[in-house]
């Protein structure tokens, strides 16, 4: 990772349109690496953001198609049998 690629967390959060807490959540769950306190790789942050955006589209599809989750998190038909 190039040190020129490092950007402060509040700046990348604003650039991506997410909260600072979201960036730190990505760091805490291992999706994003913080090479030194308060900095992340701009390229990695954009990659994570794109992955999360794709997941939201996928989740939106299932939510709009009358599929619901049961107590175990499995998708089931929204129809009452």
Protein backbone atom coordinates (compact mmCIF):
# COMPACT_ATOMS: atom_id res chain seq x y z
CA UNK A 1 0.00 0.00 0.00
CA UNK A 2 1.36 3.39 -0.99
CA UNK A 3 1.50 5.99 1.80
CA UNK A 4 0.28 8.59 -0.72
CA UNK A 5 -2.98 6.64 -0.85
CA UNK A 6 -3.73 7.19 2.87
CA UNK A 7 -6.55 9.58 3.65
CA UNK A 8 -8.07 10.72 6.94
CA UNK A 9 -11.20 8.87 8.00
CA UNK A 10 -13.51 11.94 8.13
CA UNK A 11 -12.46 12.99 4.62
CA UNK A 12 -13.10 9.59 3.02
CA UNK A 13 -16.41 9.28 4.90
CA UNK A 14 -17.56 12.60 3.48
CA UNK A 15 -16.31 11.67 0.01
CA UNK A 16 -18.21 8.36 0.06
CA UNK A 17 -21.34 9.84 1.62
CA UNK A 18 -21.21 7.61 4.70
CA UNK A 19 -20.69 8.40 8.36
CA UNK A 20 -17.34 8.27 10.14
CA UNK A 21 -18.85 5.54 12.31
CA UNK A 22 -19.51 3.45 9.19
CA UNK A 23 -15.83 3.66 8.23
CA UNK A 24 -14.81 2.59 11.74
CA UNK A 25 -17.35 -0.26 11.62
CA UNK A 26 -15.73 -1.48 8.38
CA UNK A 27 -12.36 -1.35 10.14
CA UNK A 28 -13.67 -3.22 13.21
CA UNK A 29 -15.16 -6.08 11.17
CA UNK A 30 -12.01 -6.41 9.06
CA UNK A 31 -13.34 -5.07 5.76
CA UNK A 32 -10.95 -2.13 5.85
CA UNK A 33 -7.40 -1.82 7.18
CA UNK A 34 -6.15 1.18 9.18
CA UNK A 35 -2.36 1.37 8.62
CA UNK A 36 -1.98 4.13 11.20
CA UNK A 37 -4.46 5.78 13.57
CA UNK A 38 -7.05 7.90 11.77
CA UNK A 39 -6.02 6.94 8.23
CA UNK A 40 -7.24 4.38 5.70
CA UNK A 41 -6.39 3.55 2.11
CA UNK A 42 -8.58 5.55 -0.25
CA UNK A 43 -8.58 2.75 -2.84
CA UNK A 44 -9.57 0.09 -0.29
CA UNK A 45 -12.31 2.33 1.10
CA UNK A 46 -13.80 2.77 -2.37
CA UNK A 47 -13.67 -1.00 -2.95
CA UNK A 48 -15.50 -1.70 0.32
CA UNK A 49 -18.05 1.01 -0.49
CA UNK A 50 -18.73 -0.57 -3.90
CA UNK A 51 -19.14 -4.02 -2.32
CA UNK A 52 -21.59 -2.65 0.24
CA UNK A 53 -23.51 -0.85 -2.50
CA UNK A 54 -23.85 -4.12 -4.43
CA UNK A 55 -25.09 -5.90 -1.31
CA UNK A 56 -27.76 -3.24 -0.77
CA UNK A 57 -29.06 -3.75 -4.30
CA UNK A 58 -29.22 -7.50 -3.74
CA UNK A 59 -31.03 -7.08 -0.41
CA UNK A 60 -33.45 -4.58 -1.96
CA UNK A 61 -34.36 -7.14 -4.61
CA UNK A 62 -35.34 -9.72 -2.01
CA UNK A 63 -37.21 -7.18 0.10
CA UNK A 64 -39.24 -6.03 -2.90
CA UNK A 65 -40.10 -9.54 -4.12
CA UNK A 66 -42.45 -10.48 -1.26
CA UNK A 67 -39.84 -12.73 0.32
CA UNK A 68 -39.56 -12.59 4.08
CA UNK A 69 -37.13 -14.13 6.54
CA UNK A 70 -38.12 -16.63 9.18
CA UNK A 71 -36.74 -16.65 12.73
CA UNK A 72 -33.55 -18.35 11.51
CA UNK A 73 -32.91 -15.73 8.82
CA UNK A 74 -33.88 -17.98 5.91
CA UNK A 75 -35.93 -16.53 3.07
CA UNK A 76 -39.52 -17.74 2.80
CA UNK A 77 -42.39 -16.83 0.55
CA UNK A 78 -44.48 -13.91 1.80
CA UNK A 79 -47.69 -15.85 1.03
CA UNK A 80 -49.73 -17.29 3.86
CA UNK A 81 -50.21 -21.02 3.33
